[in-house]
């Protein structure tokens, strides 16, 4: 089932929540390098972007290639 507010499936919602948890946990670590926080944040945003692409592929399969639909 797809959540009407987020556009994510139940499984994708779980991934999103785990990304949020990972960010919160990472922020609690002692700083070892000045760019670590920014780099980790970039990685989280990259993963969130991949989740957004899944929404776009479902909604606009012609403009966003979706191999699931091709099978």
N, C-alpha and C. Protein backbone atom coordinates (compact mmCIF):
# COMPACT_ATOMS: atom_id res chain seq x y z
N UNK A 1 0.84 -1.19 0.00
CA UNK A 1 0.00 0.00 0.00
C UNK A 1 0.89 1.25 0.00
N UNK A 2 0.46 2.24 -0.75
CA UNK A 2 1.22 3.49 -0.84
C UNK A 2 0.58 4.55 0.06
N UNK A 3 1.41 5.17 0.88
CA UNK A 3 0.93 6.22 1.79
C UNK A 3 0.52 7.43 0.97
N UNK A 4 -0.68 7.93 1.21
CA UNK A 4 -1.20 9.05 0.42
C UNK A 4 -0.45 10.36 0.67
N UNK A 5 0.14 10.50 1.84
CA UNK A 5 0.84 11.74 2.14
C UNK A 5 2.28 11.73 1.65
N UNK A 6 2.99 10.60 1.83
CA UNK A 6 4.41 10.57 1.45
C UNK A 6 4.63 10.00 0.05
N UNK A 7 3.69 9.20 -0.43
CA UNK A 7 3.87 8.56 -1.73
C UNK A 7 4.73 7.31 -1.67
N UNK A 8 5.17 6.95 -0.47
CA UNK A 8 6.04 5.79 -0.28
C UNK A 8 5.21 4.55 0.06
N UNK A 9 5.74 3.39 -0.34
CA UNK A 9 5.12 2.14 0.08
C UNK A 9 5.46 1.92 1.56
N UNK A 10 4.82 0.94 2.15
CA UNK A 10 5.10 0.64 3.55
C UNK A 10 6.57 0.27 3.75
N UNK A 11 7.12 -0.53 2.84
CA UNK A 11 8.52 -0.93 2.94
C UNK A 11 9.46 0.27 2.74
N UNK A 12 9.12 1.16 1.80
CA UNK A 12 9.92 2.36 1.58
C UNK A 12 9.86 3.29 2.79
N UNK A 13 8.70 3.36 3.43
CA UNK A 13 8.57 4.16 4.65
C UNK A 13 9.54 3.67 5.72
N UNK A 14 9.67 2.34 5.83
CA UNK A 14 10.59 1.77 6.80
C UNK A 14 12.03 2.19 6.50
N UNK A 15 12.38 2.17 5.22
CA UNK A 15 13.73 2.60 4.82
C UNK A 15 13.93 4.07 5.19
N UNK A 16 12.92 4.90 4.90
CA UNK A 16 13.00 6.32 5.22
C UNK A 16 13.18 6.55 6.72
N UNK A 17 12.45 5.80 7.52
CA UNK A 17 12.56 5.93 8.98
C UNK A 17 13.96 5.51 9.44
N UNK A 18 14.51 4.46 8.83
CA UNK A 18 15.85 4.01 9.22
C UNK A 18 16.91 5.04 8.83
N UNK A 19 16.71 5.73 7.71
CA UNK A 19 17.62 6.80 7.34
C UNK A 19 17.59 7.92 8.37
N UNK A 20 16.40 8.26 8.83
CA UNK A 20 16.25 9.29 9.87
C UNK A 20 16.93 8.84 11.15
N UNK A 21 16.74 7.57 11.50
CA UNK A 21 17.38 7.02 12.71
C UNK A 21 18.90 7.04 12.56
N UNK A 22 19.40 6.70 11.36
CA UNK A 22 20.85 6.69 11.13
C UNK A 22 21.43 8.09 11.31
N UNK A 23 20.73 9.10 10.79
CA UNK A 23 21.19 10.49 10.92
C UNK A 23 21.24 10.90 12.39
N UNK A 24 20.19 10.57 13.13
CA UNK A 24 20.14 10.92 14.55
C UNK A 24 21.28 10.23 15.32
N UNK A 25 21.53 8.97 15.00
CA UNK A 25 22.60 8.24 15.68
C UNK A 25 23.97 8.81 15.32
N UNK A 26 24.16 9.14 14.05
CA UNK A 26 25.45 9.67 13.62
C UNK A 26 25.75 11.01 14.28
N UNK A 27 24.72 11.84 14.40
CA UNK A 27 24.93 13.15 15.04
C UNK A 27 25.38 13.01 16.48
N UNK A 28 25.08 11.88 17.10
CA UNK A 28 25.47 11.65 18.49
C UNK A 28 26.90 11.17 18.66
N UNK A 29 27.58 10.85 17.56
CA UNK A 29 28.96 10.39 17.64
C UNK A 29 29.92 11.56 17.87
N UNK A 30 31.03 11.29 18.53
CA UNK A 30 32.03 12.34 18.69
C UNK A 30 32.61 12.72 17.32
N UNK A 31 32.93 13.99 17.15
CA UNK A 31 33.48 14.48 15.89
C UNK A 31 34.93 14.02 15.76
N UNK A 32 35.23 13.40 14.61
CA UNK A 32 36.61 12.98 14.32
C UNK A 32 37.21 13.82 13.20
N UNK A 33 36.36 14.32 12.32
CA UNK A 33 36.85 15.13 11.19
C UNK A 33 35.79 16.18 10.89
N UNK A 34 36.23 17.37 10.52
CA UNK A 34 35.31 18.49 10.34
C UNK A 34 34.27 18.27 9.23
N UNK A 35 34.56 17.42 8.26
CA UNK A 35 33.60 17.23 7.16
C UNK A 35 32.71 16.01 7.34
N UNK A 36 32.93 15.22 8.38
CA UNK A 36 32.15 13.98 8.55
C UNK A 36 30.64 14.22 8.58
N UNK A 37 30.22 15.20 9.33
CA UNK A 37 28.78 15.46 9.46
C UNK A 37 28.16 15.84 8.11
N UNK A 38 28.83 16.73 7.40
CA UNK A 38 28.33 17.15 6.07
C UNK A 38 28.32 15.98 5.09
N UNK A 39 29.38 15.16 5.13
CA UNK A 39 29.47 14.01 4.22
C UNK A 39 28.36 12.99 4.51
N UNK A 40 28.12 12.72 5.77
CA UNK A 40 27.08 11.76 6.14
C UNK A 40 25.71 12.30 5.74
N UNK A 41 25.50 13.58 5.97
CA UNK A 41 24.24 14.23 5.59
C UNK A 41 24.03 14.12 4.08
N UNK A 42 25.09 14.34 3.31
CA UNK A 42 25.00 14.21 1.85
C UNK A 42 24.57 12.80 1.47
N UNK A 43 25.14 11.80 2.14
CA UNK A 43 24.79 10.41 1.87
C UNK A 43 23.33 10.12 2.18
N UNK A 44 22.84 10.65 3.28
CA UNK A 44 21.42 10.48 3.64
C UNK A 44 20.54 11.14 2.58
N UNK A 45 20.90 12.34 2.15
CA UNK A 45 20.11 13.03 1.12
C UNK A 45 20.13 12.27 -0.20
N UNK A 46 21.26 11.66 -0.52
CA UNK A 46 21.35 10.84 -1.73
C UNK A 46 20.36 9.67 -1.65
N UNK A 47 20.34 9.01 -0.52
CA UNK A 47 19.41 7.88 -0.32
C UNK A 47 17.96 8.34 -0.35
N UNK A 48 17.67 9.48 0.26
CA UNK A 48 16.30 10.02 0.22
C UNK A 48 15.90 10.35 -1.21
N UNK A 49 16.85 10.84 -2.00
CA UNK A 49 16.57 11.12 -3.40
C UNK A 49 16.20 9.86 -4.17
N UNK A 50 16.86 8.75 -3.85
CA UNK A 50 16.52 7.49 -4.50
C UNK A 50 15.10 7.06 -4.14
N UNK A 51 14.69 7.30 -2.92
CA UNK A 51 13.30 7.00 -2.53
C UNK A 51 12.33 7.88 -3.32
N UNK A 52 12.67 9.15 -3.50
CA UNK A 52 11.81 10.05 -4.28
C UNK A 52 11.70 9.59 -5.73
N UNK A 53 12.80 9.08 -6.27
CA UNK A 53 12.76 8.59 -7.65
C UNK A 53 11.79 7.42 -7.79
N UNK A 54 11.67 6.61 -6.76
CA UNK A 54 10.73 5.49 -6.81
C UNK A 54 9.30 6.00 -6.94
N UNK A 55 8.99 7.10 -6.27
CA UNK A 55 7.67 7.70 -6.38
C UNK A 55 7.45 8.20 -7.81
N UNK A 56 8.46 8.89 -8.35
CA UNK A 56 8.35 9.42 -9.71
C UNK A 56 8.17 8.29 -10.72
N UNK A 57 8.89 7.20 -10.55
CA UNK A 57 8.77 6.08 -11.49
C UNK A 57 7.37 5.47 -11.46
N UNK A 58 6.79 5.40 -10.29
CA UNK A 58 5.43 4.86 -10.19
C UNK A 58 4.41 5.79 -10.83
N UNK A 59 4.58 7.07 -10.56
CA UNK A 59 3.61 8.07 -11.01
C UNK A 59 3.78 8.40 -12.49
N UNK A 60 5.02 8.46 -12.96
CA UNK A 60 5.31 8.86 -14.34
C UNK A 60 6.24 7.84 -15.01
N UNK A 61 5.77 6.61 -15.24
CA UNK A 61 6.65 5.57 -15.77
C UNK A 61 7.20 5.86 -17.17
N UNK A 62 6.53 6.69 -17.95
CA UNK A 62 7.05 7.01 -19.28
C UNK A 62 8.26 7.93 -19.20
N UNK A 63 8.26 8.84 -18.26
CA UNK A 63 9.37 9.79 -18.14
C UNK A 63 10.49 9.30 -17.23
N UNK A 64 10.17 8.35 -16.37
CA UNK A 64 11.16 7.82 -15.43
C UNK A 64 11.19 6.30 -15.62
N UNK A 65 12.21 5.81 -16.29
CA UNK A 65 12.30 4.38 -16.61
C UNK A 65 12.09 3.52 -15.37
N UNK A 66 11.24 2.54 -15.51
CA UNK A 66 10.91 1.64 -14.42
C UNK A 66 10.95 0.22 -14.96
N UNK A 67 12.03 -0.51 -14.70
CA UNK A 67 12.16 -1.85 -15.26
C UNK A 67 11.09 -2.79 -14.72
N UNK A 68 10.53 -2.46 -13.57
CA UNK A 68 9.44 -3.26 -13.02
C UNK A 68 8.24 -3.26 -13.98
N UNK A 69 7.98 -2.13 -14.60
CA UNK A 69 6.85 -1.99 -15.53
C UNK A 69 7.14 -2.64 -16.88
N UNK A 70 8.42 -2.77 -17.23
CA UNK A 70 8.81 -3.32 -18.52
C UNK A 70 8.65 -4.85 -18.53
N UNK A 71 8.87 -5.49 -17.39
CA UNK A 71 8.81 -6.95 -17.29
C UNK A 71 7.46 -7.51 -17.69
